């Protein structure tokens, strides 16, 4: 199962804002489009996120 994280970087520390998993019936193209839309929406709200295949520093120890 594919997981994509939306992270922010603040004071040298990467923090995970949210994570998304690809659904069983969702194509790769649909999943990438959904992630892109989420990035745009977060940026419209003033949160400068970036997508990443890895969790932020705050989540790596979980």
C-alpha atoms as a PDB file:
ATOM      1  CA  UNK A   1       0.000   0.000   0.000  1.00  0.00           C
ATOM      2  CA  UNK A   2       1.374   3.378  -0.995  1.00  0.00           C
ATOM      3  CA  UNK A   3       1.589   6.107   1.656  1.00  0.00           C
ATOM      4  CA  UNK A   4       2.392   9.747   0.949  1.00  0.00           C
ATOM      5  CA  UNK A   5       3.106  12.247   3.716  1.00  0.00           C
ATOM      6  CA  UNK A   6       2.514  15.988   3.628  1.00  0.00           C
ATOM      7  CA  UNK A   7       5.301  17.583   5.638  1.00  0.00           C
ATOM      8  CA  UNK A   8       6.466  21.052   6.609  1.00  0.00           C
ATOM      9  CA  UNK A   9       9.937  22.166   7.584  1.00  0.00           C
ATOM     10  CA  UNK A  10      10.242  24.496  10.556  1.00  0.00           C
ATOM     11  CA  UNK A  11      13.456  25.490  12.311  1.00  0.00           C
ATOM     12  CA  UNK A  12      15.307  22.625  10.651  1.00  0.00           C
ATOM     13  CA  UNK A  13      12.824  20.002  11.793  1.00  0.00           C
ATOM     14  CA  UNK A  14      10.510  18.215   9.388  1.00  0.00           C
ATOM     15  CA  UNK A  15       7.010  17.671  10.754  1.00  0.00           C
ATOM     16  CA  UNK A  16       4.248  15.562   9.263  1.00  0.00           C
ATOM     17  CA  UNK A  17       0.948  17.391   8.791  1.00  0.00           C
ATOM     18  CA  UNK A  18      -1.027  14.456   7.381  1.00  0.00           C
ATOM     19  CA  UNK A  19      -0.625  11.186   5.548  1.00  0.00           C
ATOM     20  CA  UNK A  20      -2.604   9.595   2.747  1.00  0.00           C
ATOM     21  CA  UNK A  21      -2.807   5.958   1.690  1.00  0.00           C
ATOM     22  CA  UNK A  22      -3.715   4.821  -1.779  1.00  0.00           C
ATOM     23  CA  UNK A  23      -7.090   3.073  -1.776  1.00  0.00           C
ATOM     24  CA  UNK A  24      -7.510  -0.388  -3.300  1.00  0.00           C
ATOM     25  CA  UNK A  25      -9.670   0.775  -6.198  1.00  0.00           C
ATOM     26  CA  UNK A  26      -7.698   3.971  -6.836  1.00  0.00           C
ATOM     27  CA  UNK A  27      -5.298   4.157  -9.777  1.00  0.00           C
ATOM     28  CA  UNK A  28      -1.817   5.623  -9.409  1.00  0.00           C
ATOM     29  CA  UNK A  29      -2.867   8.552 -11.584  1.00  0.00           C
ATOM     30  CA  UNK A  30      -5.914   9.272  -9.411  1.00  0.00           C
ATOM     31  CA  UNK A  31      -3.814   9.064  -6.249  1.00  0.00           C
ATOM     32  CA  UNK A  32      -1.170  11.468  -7.590  1.00  0.00           C
ATOM     33  CA  UNK A  33      -3.912  13.909  -8.666  1.00  0.00           C
ATOM     34  CA  UNK A  34      -5.508  13.713  -5.210  1.00  0.00           C
ATOM     35  CA  UNK A  35      -2.158  14.406  -3.490  1.00  0.00           C
ATOM     36  CA  UNK A  36      -1.495  17.363  -5.791  1.00  0.00           C
ATOM     37  CA  UNK A  37      -4.934  18.801  -4.949  1.00  0.00           C
ATOM     38  CA  UNK A  38      -4.217  18.400  -1.227  1.00  0.00           C
ATOM     39  CA  UNK A  39      -0.895  20.240  -1.553  1.00  0.00           C
ATOM     40  CA  UNK A  40      -2.621  23.104  -3.412  1.00  0.00           C
ATOM     41  CA  UNK A  41      -5.390  23.317  -0.785  1.00  0.00           C
ATOM     42  CA  UNK A  42      -2.921  23.401   2.118  1.00  0.00           C
ATOM     43  CA  UNK A  43      -0.870  26.110   0.401  1.00  0.00           C
ATOM     44  CA  UNK A  44      -4.022  28.193  -0.197  1.00  0.00           C
ATOM     45  CA  UNK A  45      -4.552  28.038   3.573  1.00  0.00           C
ATOM     46  CA  UNK A  46      -1.021  29.339   4.118  1.00  0.00           C
ATOM     47  CA  UNK A  47       0.632  26.043   5.101  1.00  0.00           C
ATOM     48  CA  UNK A  48       3.733  25.483   2.952  1.00  0.00           C
ATOM     49  CA  UNK A  49       3.647  21.684   2.704  1.00  0.00           C
ATOM     50  CA  UNK A  50       5.606  19.335   0.497  1.00  0.00           C
ATOM     51  CA  UNK A  51       4.893  15.717  -0.332  1.00  0.00           C
ATOM     52  CA  UNK A  52       7.278  13.023   0.791  1.00  0.00           C
ATOM     53  CA  UNK A  53       7.457   9.229   0.848  1.00  0.00           C
ATOM     54  CA  UNK A  54       8.874   9.470   4.407  1.00  0.00           C
ATOM     55  CA  UNK A  55       7.324  10.732   7.643  1.00  0.00           C
ATOM     56  CA  UNK A  56       8.687  13.819   9.334  1.00  0.00           C
ATOM     57  CA  UNK A  57      11.257  13.777  12.128  1.00  0.00           C
ATOM     58  CA  UNK A  58       8.433  13.938  14.675  1.00  0.00           C
ATOM     59  CA  UNK A  59       6.954  10.622  13.439  1.00  0.00           C
ATOM     60  CA  UNK A  60      10.038   8.506  12.691  1.00  0.00           C
ATOM     61  CA  UNK A  61      10.234   7.131  16.213  1.00  0.00           C
ATOM     62  CA  UNK A  62       6.670   5.753  16.194  1.00  0.00           C
END
